[in-house]
Amino acid sequence: MPRYFFHVHDGGSVPDDLGLALPDIGAARTAAIELTREILRSELVGPFHDYSCWRIEVSDSPELTGLPIFVLHFSVSQ
């Protein structure tokens, strides 16, 4: 099973050095959407006015310099 890494960028970068073993890219997309939901619900990420635009780069590498397989963009507007 391939391993996918979910790097979060929100004004800074939070690399994913563990990743998830998932059966395919569809499962990786679902996991990225779930991670987005968790970020939006979390109180650990700080106020949204600090970072209104976020992205999750899904890669096959734990390194931030790896090429993304796909990118999920999301934003919060008030």
PDB file of N, CA and C in Angstrom:
ATOM      1  N   MET A   1       0.847  -1.177   0.000  1.00  0.00           N
ATOM      2  CA  MET A   1       0.000   0.000   0.000  1.00  0.00           C
ATOM      3  C   MET A   1       0.895   1.243   0.000  1.00  0.00           C
ATOM      4  N   PRO A   2       0.587   2.215  -0.832  1.00  0.00           N
ATOM      5  CA  PRO A   2       1.402   3.439  -0.847  1.00  0.00           C
ATOM      6  C   PRO A   2       1.215   4.254   0.433  1.00  0.00           C
ATOM      7  N   ARG A   3       2.229   5.027   0.755  1.00  0.00           N
ATOM      8  CA  ARG A   3       2.175   5.918   1.917  1.00  0.00           C
ATOM      9  C   ARG A   3       2.048   7.342   1.404  1.00  0.00           C
ATOM     10  N   TYR A   4       1.096   8.071   1.984  1.00  0.00           N
ATOM     11  CA  TYR A   4       0.842   9.458   1.613  1.00  0.00           C
ATOM     12  C   TYR A   4       1.167  10.351   2.806  1.00  0.00           C
ATOM     13  N   PHE A   5       1.758  11.511   2.506  1.00  0.00           N
ATOM     14  CA  PHE A   5       2.147  12.469   3.537  1.00  0.00           C
ATOM     15  C   PHE A   5       1.345  13.746   3.341  1.00  0.00           C
ATOM     16  N   PHE A   6       0.819  14.282   4.443  1.00  0.00           N
ATOM     17  CA  PHE A   6      -0.098  15.412   4.408  1.00  0.00           C
ATOM     18  C   PHE A   6       0.572  16.622   5.061  1.00  0.00           C
ATOM     19  N   HIS A   7       1.198  17.461   4.248  1.00  0.00           N
ATOM     20  CA  HIS A   7       1.921  18.634   4.734  1.00  0.00           C
ATOM     21  C   HIS A   7       0.968  19.829   4.765  1.00  0.00           C
ATOM     22  N   VAL A   8       0.869  20.466   5.920  1.00  0.00           N
ATOM     23  CA  VAL A   8      -0.052  21.581   6.106  1.00  0.00           C
ATOM     24  C   VAL A   8       0.734  22.885   6.010  1.00  0.00           C
ATOM     25  N   HIS A   9       0.190  23.819   5.236  1.00  0.00           N
ATOM     26  CA  HIS A   9       0.792  25.142   5.068  1.00  0.00           C
ATOM     27  C   HIS A   9      -0.260  26.179   5.451  1.00  0.00           C
ATOM     28  N   ASP A  10       0.066  26.986   6.455  1.00  0.00           N
ATOM     29  CA  ASP A  10      -0.894  27.956   7.006  1.00  0.00           C
ATOM     30  C   ASP A  10      -0.206  29.244   7.423  1.00  0.00           C
ATOM     31  N   GLY A  11       0.684  29.739   6.605  1.00  0.00           N
ATOM     32  CA  GLY A  11       1.523  30.858   6.990  1.00  0.00           C
ATOM     33  C   GLY A  11       2.890  30.349   7.411  1.00  0.00           C
ATOM     34  N   GLY A  12       2.959  29.105   7.778  1.00  0.00           N
ATOM     35  CA  GLY A  12       4.169  28.353   8.059  1.00  0.00           C
ATOM     36  C   GLY A  12       3.946  26.974   7.464  1.00  0.00           C
ATOM     37  N   SER A  13       4.830  26.075   7.723  1.00  0.00           N
ATOM     38  CA  SER A  13       4.679  24.727   7.188  1.00  0.00           C
ATOM     39  C   SER A  13       4.797  23.703   8.311  1.00  0.00           C
ATOM     40  N   VAL A  14       3.892  22.743   8.300  1.00  0.00           N
ATOM     41  CA  VAL A  14       3.917  21.653   9.258  1.00  0.00           C
ATOM     42  C   VAL A  14       4.087  20.365   8.449  1.00  0.00           C
ATOM     43  N   PRO A  15       5.310  19.838   8.412  1.00  0.00           N
ATOM     44  CA  PRO A  15       5.534  18.615   7.635  1.00  0.00           C
ATOM     45  C   PRO A  15       4.948  17.394   8.337  1.00  0.00           C
ATOM     46  N   ASP A  16       4.514  16.464   7.543  1.00  0.00           N
ATOM     47  CA  ASP A  16       4.023  15.186   8.043  1.00  0.00           C
ATOM     48  C   ASP A  16       5.144  14.172   7.826  1.00  0.00           C
ATOM     49  N   ASP A  17       5.795  13.758   8.891  1.00  0.00           N
ATOM     50  CA  ASP A  17       6.906  12.824   8.729  1.00  0.00           C
ATOM     51  C   ASP A  17       6.497  11.364   8.940  1.00  0.00           C
ATOM     52  N   LEU A  18       5.221  11.124   9.258  1.00  0.00           N
ATOM     53  CA  LEU A  18       4.735   9.756   9.443  1.00  0.00           C
ATOM     54  C   LEU A  18       3.945   9.249   8.246  1.00  0.00           C
ATOM     55  N   GLY A  19       3.032  10.066   7.758  1.00  0.00           N
ATOM     56  CA  GLY A  19       2.200   9.672   6.628  1.00  0.00           C
ATOM     57  C   GLY A  19       1.188   8.610   7.006  1.00  0.00           C
ATOM     58  N   LEU A  20       0.389   8.242   6.017  1.00  0.00           N
ATOM     59  CA  LEU A  20      -0.620   7.200   6.178  1.00  0.00           C
ATOM     60  C   LEU A  20      -0.509   6.225   5.026  1.00  0.00           C
ATOM     61  N   ALA A  21      -0.559   4.944   5.334  1.00  0.00           N
ATOM     62  CA  ALA A  21      -0.619   3.924   4.288  1.00  0.00           C
ATOM     63  C   ALA A  21      -2.079   3.804   3.876  1.00  0.00           C
ATOM     64  N   LEU A  22      -2.353   4.110   2.619  1.00  0.00           N
ATOM     65  CA  LEU A  22      -3.718   4.101   2.100  1.00  0.00           C
ATOM     66  C   LEU A  22      -3.763   3.349   0.783  1.00  0.00           C
ATOM     67  N   PRO A  23      -4.907   2.781   0.450  1.00  0.00           N
ATOM     68  CA  PRO A  23      -4.976   1.933  -0.745  1.00  0.00           C
ATOM     69  C   PRO A  23      -4.808   2.670  -2.072  1.00  0.00           C
ATOM     70  N   ASP A  24      -5.242   3.953  -2.122  1.00  0.00           N
ATOM     71  CA  ASP A  24      -5.182   4.657  -3.403  1.00  0.00           C
ATOM     72  C   ASP A  24      -5.347   6.158  -3.207  1.00  0.00           C
ATOM     73  N   ILE A  25      -5.276   6.893  -4.307  1.00  0.00           N
ATOM     74  CA  ILE A  25      -5.365   8.347  -4.250  1.00  0.00           C
ATOM     75  C   ILE A  25      -6.749   8.815  -3.783  1.00  0.00           C
ATOM     76  N   GLY A  26      -7.783   8.049  -4.091  1.00  0.00           N
ATOM     77  CA  GLY A  26      -9.122   8.389  -3.606  1.00  0.00           C
ATOM     78  C   GLY A  26      -9.186   8.386  -2.090  1.00  0.00           C
ATOM     79  N   ALA A  27      -8.563   7.399  -1.480  1.00  0.00           N
ATOM     80  CA  ALA A  27      -8.507   7.333  -0.017  1.00  0.00           C
ATOM     81  C   ALA A  27      -7.672   8.480   0.537  1.00  0.00           C
ATOM     82  N   ALA A  28      -6.621   8.878  -0.184  1.00  0.00           N
ATOM     83  CA  ALA A  28      -5.796  10.011   0.239  1.00  0.00           C
ATOM     84  C   ALA A  28      -6.602  11.310   0.177  1.00  0.00           C
ATOM     85  N   ARG A  29      -7.427  11.464  -0.855  1.00  0.00           N
ATOM     86  CA  ARG A  29      -8.284  12.655  -0.952  1.00  0.00           C
ATOM     87  C   ARG A  29      -9.267  12.702   0.215  1.00  0.00           C
ATOM     88  N   THR A  30      -9.854  11.583   0.524  1.00  0.00           N
ATOM     89  CA  THR A  30     -10.784  11.522   1.654  1.00  0.00           C
ATOM     90  C   THR A  30     -10.065  11.867   2.958  1.00  0.00           C
ATOM     91  N   ALA A  31      -8.862  11.367   3.145  1.00  0.00           N
ATOM     92  CA  ALA A  31      -8.084  11.661   4.356  1.00  0.00           C
ATOM     93  C   ALA A  31      -7.726  13.146   4.417  1.00  0.00           C
ATOM     94  N   ALA A  32      -7.406  13.760   3.286  1.00  0.00           N
ATOM     95  CA  ALA A  32      -7.079  15.188   3.255  1.00  0.00           C
ATOM     96  C   ALA A  32      -8.302  16.029   3.630  1.00  0.00           C
ATOM     97  N   ILE A  33      -9.468  15.640   3.153  1.00  0.00           N
ATOM     98  CA  ILE A  33     -10.695  16.353   3.505  1.00  0.00           C
ATOM     99  C   ILE A  33     -10.987  16.197   4.991  1.00  0.00           C
ATOM    100  N   GLU A  34     -10.780  15.013   5.526  1.00  0.00           N
ATOM    101  CA  GLU A  34     -10.978  14.780   6.964  1.00  0.00           C
ATOM    102  C   GLU A  34      -9.994  15.616   7.792  1.00  0.00           C
ATOM    103  N   LEU A  35      -8.744  15.696   7.344  1.00  0.00           N
ATOM    104  CA  LEU A  35      -7.754  16.524   8.033  1.00  0.00           C
ATOM    105  C   LEU A  35      -8.172  17.989   8.009  1.00  0.00           C
ATOM    106  N   THR A  36      -8.705  18.453   6.895  1.00  0.00           N
ATOM    107  CA  THR A  36      -9.205  19.830   6.795  1.00  0.00           C
ATOM    108  C   THR A  36     -10.292  20.062   7.834  1.00  0.00           C
ATOM    109  N   ARG A  37     -11.201  19.123   7.938  1.00  0.00           N
ATOM    110  CA  ARG A  37     -12.278  19.246   8.917  1.00  0.00           C
ATOM    111  C   ARG A  37     -11.723  19.325  10.336  1.00  0.00           C
ATOM    112  N   GLU A  38     -10.729  18.498  10.632  1.00  0.00           N
ATOM    113  CA  GLU A  38     -10.127  18.509  11.966  1.00  0.00           C
ATOM    114  C   GLU A  38      -9.412  19.837  12.245  1.00  0.00           C
ATOM    115  N   ILE A  39      -8.726  20.369  11.247  1.00  0.00           N
ATOM    116  CA  ILE A  39      -8.050  21.653  11.417  1.00  0.00           C
ATOM    117  C   ILE A  39      -9.060  22.749  11.706  1.00  0.00           C
ATOM    118  N   LEU A  40     -10.149  22.785  10.944  1.00  0.00           N
ATOM    119  CA  LEU A  40     -11.154  23.822  11.127  1.00  0.00           C
ATOM    120  C   LEU A  40     -11.846  23.709  12.479  1.00  0.00           C
ATOM    121  N   ARG A  41     -11.953  22.508  13.021  1.00  0.00           N
ATOM    122  CA  ARG A  41     -12.587  22.306  14.327  1.00  0.00           C
ATOM    123  C   ARG A  41     -11.624  22.504  15.484  1.00  0.00           C
ATOM    124  N   SER A  42     -10.336  22.484  15.226  1.00  0.00           N
ATOM    125  CA  SER A  42      -9.338  22.503  16.280  1.00  0.00           C
ATOM    126  C   SER A  42      -9.153  23.899  16.851  1.00  0.00           C
ATOM    127  N   GLU A  43      -8.950  23.946  18.144  1.00  0.00           N
ATOM    128  CA  GLU A  43      -8.610  25.205  18.797  1.00  0.00           C
ATOM    129  C   GLU A  43      -7.104  25.399  18.852  1.00  0.00           C
ATOM    130  N   LEU A  44      -6.343  24.401  18.413  1.00  0.00           N
ATOM    131  CA  LEU A  44      -4.887  24.474  18.478  1.00  0.00           C
ATOM    132  C   LEU A  44      -4.281  25.308  17.357  1.00  0.00           C
ATOM    133  N   VAL A  45      -5.033  25.586  16.312  1.00  0.00           N
ATOM    134  CA  VAL A  45      -4.461  26.275  15.151  1.00  0.00           C
ATOM    135  C   VAL A  45      -4.499  27.785  15.277  1.00  0.00           C
ATOM    136  N   GLY A  46      -5.113  28.301  16.303  1.00  0.00           N
ATOM    137  CA  GLY A  46      -5.134  29.742  16.485  1.00  0.00           C
ATOM    138  C   GLY A  46      -6.301  30.383  15.761  1.00  0.00           C
ATOM    139  N   PRO A  47      -6.423  31.685  15.911  1.00  0.00           N
ATOM    140  CA  PRO A  47      -7.558  32.374  15.278  1.00  0.00           C
ATOM    141  C   PRO A  47      -7.426  32.386  13.760  1.00  0.00           C
ATOM    142  N   PHE A  48      -8.552  32.278  13.082  1.00  0.00           N
ATOM    143  CA  PHE A  48      -8.552  32.236  11.631  1.00  0.00           C
ATOM    144  C   PHE A  48      -8.094  33.533  10.990  1.00  0.00           C
ATOM    145  N   HIS A  49      -8.211  34.652  11.687  1.00  0.00           N
ATOM    146  CA  HIS A  49      -7.785  35.913  11.068  1.00  0.00           C
ATOM    147  C   HIS A  49      -6.275  35.950  10.862  1.00  0.00           C
ATOM    148  N   ASP A  50      -5.522  35.106  11.544  1.00  0.00           N
ATOM    149  CA  ASP A  50      -4.074  35.039  11.318  1.00  0.00           C
ATOM    150  C   ASP A  50      -3.750  34.387   9.979  1.00  0.00           C
ATOM    151  N   TYR A  51      -4.484  33.358   9.636  1.00  0.00           N
ATOM    152  CA  TYR A  51      -4.242  32.612   8.399  1.00  0.00           C
ATOM    153  C   TYR A  51      -5.586  32.294   7.764  1.00  0.00           C
ATOM    154  N   SER A  52      -5.988  33.081   6.797  1.00  0.00           N
ATOM    155  CA  SER A  52      -7.295  32.838   6.192  1.00  0.00           C
ATOM    156  C   SER A  52      -7.217  31.823   5.051  1.00  0.00           C
ATOM    157  N   CYS A  53      -6.018  31.589   4.505  1.00  0.00           N
ATOM    158  CA  CYS A  53      -5.852  30.630   3.415  1.00  0.00           C
ATOM    159  C   CYS A  53      -4.895  29.530   3.857  1.00  0.00           C
ATOM    160  N   TRP A  54      -5.299  28.302   3.644  1.00  0.00           N
ATOM    161  CA  TRP A  54      -4.538  27.139   4.050  1.00  0.00           C
ATOM    162  C   TRP A  54      -4.409  26.210   2.859  1.00  0.00           C
ATOM    163  N   ARG A  55      -3.466  25.319   2.932  1.00  0.00           N
ATOM    164  CA  ARG A  55      -3.401  24.265   1.931  1.00  0.00           C
ATOM    165  C   ARG A  55      -2.777  23.021   2.555  1.00  0.00           C
ATOM    166  N   ILE A  56      -3.203  21.893   2.041  1.00  0.00           N
ATOM    167  CA  ILE A  56      -2.624  20.610   2.407  1.00  0.00           C
ATOM    168  C   ILE A  56      -2.028  20.039   1.132  1.00  0.00           C
ATOM    169  N   GLU A  57      -0.729  19.840   1.146  1.00  0.00           N
ATOM    170  CA  GLU A  57      -0.053  19.210   0.020  1.00  0.00           C
ATOM    171  C   GLU A  57       0.112  17.732   0.340  1.00  0.00           C
ATOM    172  N   VAL A  58      -0.451  16.903  -0.499  1.00  0.00           N
ATOM    173  CA  VAL A  58      -0.348  15.461  -0.313  1.00  0.00           C
ATOM    174  C   VAL A  58       0.756  14.960  -1.230  1.00  0.00           C
ATOM    175  N   SER A  59       1.725  14.293  -0.631  1.00  0.00           N
ATOM    176  CA  SER A  59       2.939  13.886  -1.328  1.00  0.00           C
ATOM    177  C   SER A  59       3.258  12.435  -1.012  1.00  0.00           C
ATOM    178  N   ASP A  60       4.164  11.869  -1.790  1.00  0.00           N
ATOM    179  CA  ASP A  60       4.649  10.517  -1.481  1.00  0.00           C
ATOM    180  C   ASP A  60       5.984  10.581  -0.746  1.00  0.00           C
ATOM    181  N   SER A  61       6.313  11.780  -0.216  1.00  0.00           N
ATOM    182  CA  SER A  61       7.581  11.980   0.479  1.00  0.00           C
ATOM    183  C   SER A  61       7.359  12.721   1.792  1.00  0.00           C
ATOM    184  N   PRO A  62       8.090  12.363   2.843  1.00  0.00           N
ATOM    185  CA  PRO A  62       7.995  13.125   4.087  1.00  0.00           C
ATOM    186  C   PRO A  62       8.695  14.477   4.005  1.00  0.00           C
ATOM    187  N   GLU A  63       9.438  14.716   2.950  1.00  0.00           N
ATOM    188  CA  GLU A  63      10.165  15.979   2.776  1.00  0.00           C
ATOM    189  C   GLU A  63       9.249  17.044   2.173  1.00  0.00           C
ATOM    190  N   LEU A  64       9.331  18.247   2.693  1.00  0.00           N
ATOM    191  CA  LEU A  64       8.537  19.349   2.150  1.00  0.00           C
ATOM    192  C   LEU A  64       8.936  19.696   0.716  1.00  0.00           C
ATOM    193  N   THR A  65      10.124  19.312   0.321  1.00  0.00           N
ATOM    194  CA  THR A  65      10.610  19.635  -1.021  1.00  0.00           C
ATOM    195  C   THR A  65      10.114  18.657  -2.075  1.00  0.00           C
ATOM    196  N   GLY A  66       9.427  17.592  -1.660  1.00  0.00           N
ATOM    197  CA  GLY A  66       8.890  16.627  -2.615  1.00  0.00           C
ATOM    198  C   GLY A  66       7.764  17.243  -3.440  1.00  0.00           C
ATOM    199  N   LEU A  67       7.552  16.709  -4.618  1.00  0.00           N
ATOM    200  CA  LEU A  67       6.461  17.193  -5.463  1.00  0.00           C
ATOM    201  C   LEU A  67       5.128  16.673  -4.943  1.00  0.00           C
ATOM    202  N   PRO A  68       4.139  17.558  -4.832  1.00  0.00           N
ATOM    203  CA  PRO A  68       2.834  17.093  -4.360  1.00  0.00           C
ATOM    204  C   PRO A  68       2.118  16.252  -5.414  1.00  0.00           C
ATOM    205  N   ILE A  69       1.371  15.283  -4.944  1.00  0.00           N
ATOM    206  CA  ILE A  69       0.494  14.492  -5.802  1.00  0.00           C
ATOM    207  C   ILE A  69      -0.762  15.308  -6.103  1.00  0.00           C
ATOM    208  N   PHE A  70      -1.268  15.966  -5.073  1.00  0.00           N
ATOM    209  CA  PHE A  70      -2.353  16.931  -5.236  1.00  0.00           C
ATOM    210  C   PHE A  70      -2.324  17.886  -4.055  1.00  0.00           C
ATOM    211  N   VAL A  71      -3.016  19.019  -4.220  1.00  0.00           N
ATOM    212  CA  VAL A  71      -3.070  20.056  -3.194  1.00  0.00           C
ATOM    213  C   VAL A  71      -4.530  20.381  -2.923  1.00  0.00           C
ATOM    214  N   LEU A  72      -4.892  20.422  -1.660  1.00  0.00           N
ATOM    215  CA  LEU A  72      -6.219  20.824  -1.252  1.00  0.00           C
ATOM    216  C   LEU A  72      -6.103  22.210  -0.643  1.00  0.00           C
ATOM    217  N   HIS A  73      -6.767  23.195  -1.249  1.00  0.00           N
ATOM    218  CA  HIS A  73      -6.779  24.575  -0.757  1.00  0.00           C
ATOM    219  C   HIS A  73      -8.081  24.800  -0.005  1.00  0.00           C
ATOM    220  N   PHE A  74      -8.000  25.522   1.101  1.00  0.00           N
ATOM    221  CA  PHE A  74      -9.212  25.936   1.772  1.00  0.00           C
ATOM    222  C   PHE A  74      -8.974  27.256   2.464  1.00  0.00           C
ATOM    223  N   SER A  75     -10.054  27.999   2.639  1.00  0.00           N
ATOM    224  CA  SER A  75      -9.945  29.326   3.247  1.00  0.00           C
ATOM    225  C   SER A  75     -11.162  29.607   4.098  1.00  0.00           C
ATOM    226  N   VAL A  76     -10.999  30.588   4.950  1.00  0.00           N
ATOM    227  CA  VAL A  76     -12.068  31.031   5.825  1.00  0.00           C
ATOM    228  C   VAL A  76     -12.238  32.513   5.581  1.00  0.00           C
ATOM    229  N   SER A  77     -13.452  32.929   5.284  1.00  0.00           N
ATOM    230  CA  SER A  77     -13.720  34.362   5.124  1.00  0.00           C
ATOM    231  C   SER A  77     -14.766  34.774   6.143  1.00  0.00           C
ATOM    232  N   GLN A  78     -14.621  35.983   6.596  1.00  0.00           N
ATOM    233  CA  GLN A  78     -15.517  36.482   7.641  1.00  0.00           C
ATOM    234  C   GLN A  78     -16.411  37.563   7.100  1.00  0.00           C
TER     235      GLN A  78
END
